[in-house]
């Protein structure tokens, strides 16, 4: 196990290691993906390398260009961009 691998570990209260994975998206960058699912509040759900992006005001099955506005630990929020 390398030293950099050990530095990336964070410990939960239970004593099990929790690993931080850097999201494959960046704030204010534009991406294009297909809306694969719809969230419970009507937001479109797209994925980039398995990372979930919520894009409001989109339709299921559409190819959408969007800009990332906020990144969380498990998902990001984007807004659709007009061409």
Protein backbone atom coordinates (compact mmCIF):
# COMPACT_ATOMS: atom_id res chain seq x y z
CA UNK A 1 0.00 0.00 0.00
CA UNK A 2 1.51 3.30 -1.04
CA UNK A 3 1.75 6.36 1.17
CA UNK A 4 -0.54 8.43 -1.08
CA UNK A 5 -3.17 5.67 -0.81
CA UNK A 6 -3.08 5.91 2.99
CA UNK A 7 -3.43 9.70 2.89
CA UNK A 8 -6.65 9.45 0.89
CA UNK A 9 -8.42 7.38 3.53
CA UNK A 10 -10.86 9.06 5.89
CA UNK A 11 -12.28 7.24 8.87
CA UNK A 12 -15.94 7.04 9.82
CA UNK A 13 -17.13 6.74 13.40
CA UNK A 14 -17.49 2.99 12.99
CA UNK A 15 -13.77 2.67 12.32
CA UNK A 16 -14.21 1.54 8.71
CA UNK A 17 -12.29 3.51 6.10
CA UNK A 18 -14.24 5.79 3.77
CA UNK A 19 -12.52 6.77 0.55
CA UNK A 20 -12.80 10.13 -1.16
CA UNK A 21 -13.25 9.87 -4.91
CA UNK A 22 -12.67 13.00 -6.95
CA UNK A 23 -15.75 13.74 -9.11
CA UNK A 24 -15.17 13.50 -12.89
CA UNK A 25 -16.78 16.95 -13.41
CA UNK A 26 -15.74 20.52 -12.63
CA UNK A 27 -17.76 23.63 -11.78
CA UNK A 28 -18.53 26.00 -14.71
CA UNK A 29 -17.51 23.42 -17.35
CA UNK A 30 -19.97 22.32 -20.02
CA UNK A 31 -20.77 18.66 -20.64
CA UNK A 32 -23.15 16.76 -22.89
CA UNK A 33 -25.00 13.60 -21.93
CA UNK A 34 -28.30 11.78 -22.33
CA UNK A 35 -30.98 12.06 -19.63
CA UNK A 36 -31.27 8.44 -18.51
CA UNK A 37 -33.81 8.74 -15.69
CA UNK A 38 -36.14 11.20 -14.02
CA UNK A 39 -35.77 12.13 -10.35
CA UNK A 40 -38.65 12.19 -7.92
CA UNK A 41 -39.02 15.97 -8.25
CA UNK A 42 -38.92 15.96 -12.07
CA UNK A 43 -35.21 16.64 -12.52
CA UNK A 44 -33.42 14.78 -15.28
CA UNK A 45 -30.64 12.43 -14.20
CA UNK A 46 -27.54 12.17 -16.39
CA UNK A 47 -24.35 10.26 -15.65
CA UNK A 48 -20.74 11.00 -16.51
CA UNK A 49 -18.41 8.09 -15.71
CA UNK A 50 -21.06 6.83 -13.27
CA UNK A 51 -21.28 10.14 -11.39
CA UNK A 52 -24.84 11.45 -11.09
CA UNK A 53 -25.76 14.90 -12.40
CA UNK A 54 -29.21 16.38 -11.76
CA UNK A 55 -30.40 18.68 -14.54
CA UNK A 56 -33.75 20.46 -13.98
CA UNK A 57 -36.23 21.18 -16.78
CA UNK A 58 -35.17 18.32 -19.07
CA UNK A 59 -36.96 15.40 -20.69
CA UNK A 60 -36.22 11.69 -20.50
CA UNK A 61 -34.14 10.35 -23.41
CA UNK A 62 -32.98 13.76 -24.69
CA UNK A 63 -29.34 14.60 -25.39
CA UNK A 64 -28.64 17.70 -23.26
CA UNK A 65 -25.74 20.13 -22.99
CA UNK A 66 -25.39 21.45 -19.43
CA UNK A 67 -23.07 23.44 -17.19
CA UNK A 68 -22.19 22.24 -13.68
CA UNK A 69 -23.22 24.74 -10.99
CA UNK A 70 -22.65 22.74 -7.79
CA UNK A 71 -20.76 19.57 -6.84
CA UNK A 72 -21.54 17.41 -3.84
CA UNK A 73 -19.96 14.20 -2.55
CA UNK A 74 -22.35 11.88 -4.40
CA UNK A 75 -23.90 14.04 -7.13
CA UNK A 76 -23.66 17.34 -8.99
CA UNK A 77 -26.27 19.87 -10.11
CA UNK A 78 -26.22 21.40 -13.56
CA UNK A 79 -28.27 23.79 -15.63
CA UNK A 80 -29.09 23.21 -19.27
CA UNK A 81 -27.31 25.43 -21.79
CA UNK A 82 -28.81 26.58 -25.08
CA UNK A 83 -26.70 25.98 -28.19
